[in-house]
Amino acid sequence: MTTRRRLPARGRLSPWAYVTALTLAAVVVVAFLAVRAEQAAQPKPTASASPSASASPSAPVAVPDDSGTGRRIVYSLSERRVWLVDSGEEARRTFTVWPGSVSPLPGTYTVTFRNASATGYDDVPIENVVYFTTRSDVSIAFSNAEDGSSPPPASGVKTGGIRVRAADGDAIWDFGSTGTTVSVVE
């Protein structure tokens, strides 16, 4: 006697089709949530700033008046913003940042050391590290997380990392050679 395989009734899907459909739906949901999480992790620009990394020609964010003169990096503590200012007093680039738990005091500093990659005080791998001062035995530097994230500072950990987006980290690295002036303003 031969056994016959029973074919699914017309209009019914086989179990493998259900599994495939559910797997595909799960992948779509996970991808959607990952995109949403990445967007939520980005700092929100101020109302006068464009969402792009550099200043918009139609709505530039002015370099603070009390930030000195000449080629320099300007960091505003209250605005959580950095400007890369060329020798002609023009801002080549401006962008928002995520400050660490230890901030520099207002004043004028110079880039003292650079490190292509390191591990932050919060154990996050970072790159484009541009050091310019210390405070409370914590090194203060601009950097970006290698994976593009910017988590809040670890609870109870002193961090002097001023985190930026990856493209802005590249710009600071290119602009901020050793000896470059860093002006910190309120």
Protein backbone atom coordinates (compact mmCIF):
# COMPACT_ATOMS: atom_id res chain seq x y z
CA MET A 1 0.00 0.00 0.00
CA THR A 2 1.39 3.40 -0.90
CA THR A 3 1.01 6.42 1.29
CA ARG A 4 -0.05 9.61 -0.30
CA ARG A 5 1.03 13.01 0.93
CA ARG A 6 -1.83 15.19 1.66
CA LEU A 7 -1.64 18.59 -0.01
CA PRO A 8 -2.81 21.68 1.87
CA ALA A 9 -6.35 22.65 1.13
CA ARG A 10 -6.77 25.41 -1.34
CA GLY A 11 -6.50 28.82 0.37
CA ARG A 12 -4.53 27.47 3.35
CA LEU A 13 -0.88 28.21 3.91
CA SER A 14 1.61 25.63 4.97
CA PRO A 15 3.37 26.00 8.35
CA TRP A 16 6.67 27.07 6.73
CA ALA A 17 4.87 29.99 5.07
CA TYR A 18 3.60 31.17 8.47
CA VAL A 19 7.06 30.91 9.99
CA THR A 20 8.60 32.81 7.07
CA ALA A 21 5.97 35.57 7.29
CA LEU A 22 6.41 35.94 11.05
CA THR A 23 10.21 36.05 10.74
CA LEU A 24 10.00 38.71 8.04
CA ALA A 25 7.59 40.79 10.14
CA ALA A 26 9.92 40.55 13.17
CA VAL A 27 12.91 41.71 11.10
CA VAL A 28 10.92 44.71 9.82
CA VAL A 29 9.83 45.68 13.35
CA VAL A 30 13.37 45.38 14.75
CA ALA A 31 14.79 47.51 11.90
CA PHE A 32 12.10 50.16 12.47
CA LEU A 33 12.82 50.27 16.22
CA ALA A 34 16.58 50.52 15.61
CA VAL A 35 16.07 53.54 13.34
CA ARG A 36 13.79 55.19 15.93
CA ALA A 37 16.31 54.56 18.72
CA GLU A 38 19.15 56.08 16.66
CA GLN A 39 17.05 59.19 15.97
CA ALA A 40 16.16 59.53 19.66
CA ALA A 41 19.84 59.32 20.69
CA GLN A 42 20.80 62.39 18.64
CA PRO A 43 20.98 65.72 20.54
CA LYS A 44 18.24 68.15 19.65
CA PRO A 45 19.54 71.33 18.00
CA THR A 46 18.51 74.69 19.41
CA ALA A 47 15.73 76.62 17.69
CA SER A 48 18.22 78.91 15.94
CA ALA A 49 20.36 76.06 14.64
CA SER A 50 19.85 73.98 11.56
CA PRO A 51 19.61 70.22 12.03
CA SER A 52 22.71 69.69 9.91
CA ALA A 53 26.16 69.44 11.45
CA SER A 54 27.30 72.78 10.08
CA ALA A 55 25.69 76.18 10.43
CA SER A 56 22.99 77.02 7.92
CA PRO A 57 23.78 80.04 5.72
CA SER A 58 20.21 81.32 6.20
CA ALA A 59 20.26 81.01 10.01
CA PRO A 60 23.87 81.05 11.23
CA VAL A 61 24.58 80.66 14.91
CA ALA A 62 26.90 83.53 15.80
CA VAL A 63 30.25 82.87 17.44
CA PRO A 64 30.06 84.22 21.02
CA ASP A 65 31.50 87.75 21.28
CA ASP A 66 33.61 86.95 24.35
CA SER A 67 35.37 83.97 22.76
CA GLY A 68 38.65 85.63 21.79
CA THR A 69 40.15 86.20 18.37
CA GLY A 70 42.04 84.23 15.76
CA ARG A 71 41.86 80.59 14.78
CA ARG A 72 40.26 78.64 17.63
CA ILE A 73 37.77 76.09 18.88
CA VAL A 74 34.98 77.77 20.86
CA TYR A 75 32.92 75.76 23.35
CA SER A 76 29.84 77.31 24.95
CA LEU A 77 28.83 75.59 28.19
CA SER A 78 25.31 77.04 28.26
CA GLU A 79 24.54 76.44 24.60
CA ARG A 80 26.25 73.02 24.49
CA ARG A 81 27.71 74.08 21.17
CA VAL A 82 31.12 74.18 19.49
CA TRP A 83 32.37 76.47 16.72
CA LEU A 84 35.50 75.90 14.64
CA VAL A 85 36.63 79.46 13.87
CA ASP A 86 39.21 80.18 11.18
CA SER A 87 41.83 82.96 11.30
CA GLY A 88 39.44 85.25 9.37
CA GLU A 89 36.98 85.06 12.31
CA GLU A 90 34.50 83.00 10.28
CA ALA A 91 32.90 79.91 11.81
CA ARG A 92 33.85 77.04 9.50
CA ARG A 93 31.50 74.69 11.35
CA THR A 94 29.22 74.70 14.38
CA PHE A 95 27.37 71.85 16.08
CA THR A 96 25.74 70.79 19.33
CA VAL A 97 27.49 68.48 21.80
CA TRP A 98 26.79 66.20 24.77
CA PRO A 99 28.89 67.37 27.74
CA GLY A 100 30.28 64.97 30.33
CA SER A 101 29.65 65.22 34.05
CA VAL A 102 32.81 67.32 34.61
CA SER A 103 32.93 70.58 32.64
CA PRO A 104 35.91 72.86 32.05
CA LEU A 105 35.90 76.29 33.66
CA PRO A 106 35.46 79.25 31.29
CA GLY A 107 38.85 80.35 29.98
CA THR A 108 41.42 79.90 27.25
CA TYR A 109 43.24 76.59 26.79
CA THR A 110 45.30 74.87 24.12
CA VAL A 111 45.04 71.40 22.65
CA THR A 112 47.70 69.49 24.58
CA PHE A 113 47.31 65.95 23.32
CA ARG A 114 45.40 63.97 20.71
CA ASN A 115 44.56 60.29 20.60
CA ALA A 116 43.03 58.56 17.59
CA SER A 117 41.17 56.08 19.82
CA ALA A 118 40.72 55.34 23.50
CA THR A 119 38.17 54.17 26.05
CA GLY A 120 36.15 56.86 27.82
CA TYR A 121 35.70 57.03 31.58
CA ASP A 122 32.27 55.48 30.98
CA ASP A 123 33.94 52.45 29.27
CA VAL A 124 32.66 53.51 25.81
CA PRO A 125 35.20 53.12 22.95
CA ILE A 126 35.85 56.61 21.57
CA GLU A 127 37.84 58.15 18.71
CA ASN A 128 39.09 61.57 17.55
CA VAL A 129 40.02 62.47 21.13
CA VAL A 130 41.27 66.06 21.42
CA TYR A 131 42.41 66.88 25.00
CA PHE A 132 42.65 70.47 26.20
CA THR A 133 42.48 70.58 30.03
CA THR A 134 41.85 68.69 33.27
CA ARG A 135 39.57 69.42 36.19
CA SER A 136 39.21 67.43 39.42
CA ASP A 137 41.78 64.96 38.07
CA VAL A 138 39.57 64.28 35.03
CA SER A 139 40.88 64.88 31.51
CA ILE A 140 38.53 66.98 29.41
CA ALA A 141 38.43 66.33 25.68
CA PHE A 142 36.23 66.38 22.62
CA SER A 143 35.52 62.92 21.20
CA ASN A 144 32.94 60.78 19.48
CA ALA A 145 31.82 57.26 20.34
CA GLU A 146 33.13 54.74 17.80
CA ASP A 147 29.64 53.26 17.39
CA GLY A 148 28.03 56.69 16.95
CA SER A 149 26.11 56.52 20.22
CA SER A 150 26.09 59.09 22.95
CA PRO A 151 24.76 57.53 26.11
CA PRO A 152 24.27 59.69 29.18
CA PRO A 153 27.25 59.68 31.54
CA ALA A 154 27.44 56.56 33.67
CA SER A 155 25.87 57.11 37.07
CA GLY A 156 28.44 58.05 39.69
CA VAL A 157 31.31 58.24 37.18
CA LYS A 158 33.22 61.46 36.51
CA THR A 159 33.46 61.94 32.75
CA GLY A 160 35.19 64.80 30.98
CA GLY A 161 34.32 63.69 27.49
CA ILE A 162 32.47 66.26 25.41
CA ARG A 163 30.82 63.92 22.92
CA VAL A 164 30.04 64.88 19.36
CA ARG A 165 28.60 63.15 16.30
CA ALA A 166 31.10 61.15 14.23
CA ALA A 167 31.31 63.71 11.39
CA ASP A 168 31.89 66.50 13.92
CA GLY A 169 34.57 64.38 15.63
CA ASP A 170 36.36 64.10 12.29
CA ALA A 171 36.12 67.89 11.85
CA ILE A 172 37.53 68.62 15.33
CA TRP A 173 40.33 66.11 14.73
CA ASP A 174 41.26 67.79 11.44
CA PHE A 175 40.98 71.32 12.88
CA GLY A 176 42.34 70.86 16.41
CA SER A 177 46.01 70.07 16.05
CA THR A 178 48.26 70.25 19.13
CA GLY A 179 48.60 73.90 20.17
CA THR A 180 45.22 75.01 18.79
CA THR A 181 43.44 77.49 21.08
CA VAL A 182 40.27 76.32 22.81
CA SER A 183 38.07 79.09 24.21
CA VAL A 184 35.46 77.98 26.77
CA VAL A 185 32.66 80.48 27.45
CA GLU A 186 29.55 80.41 29.58
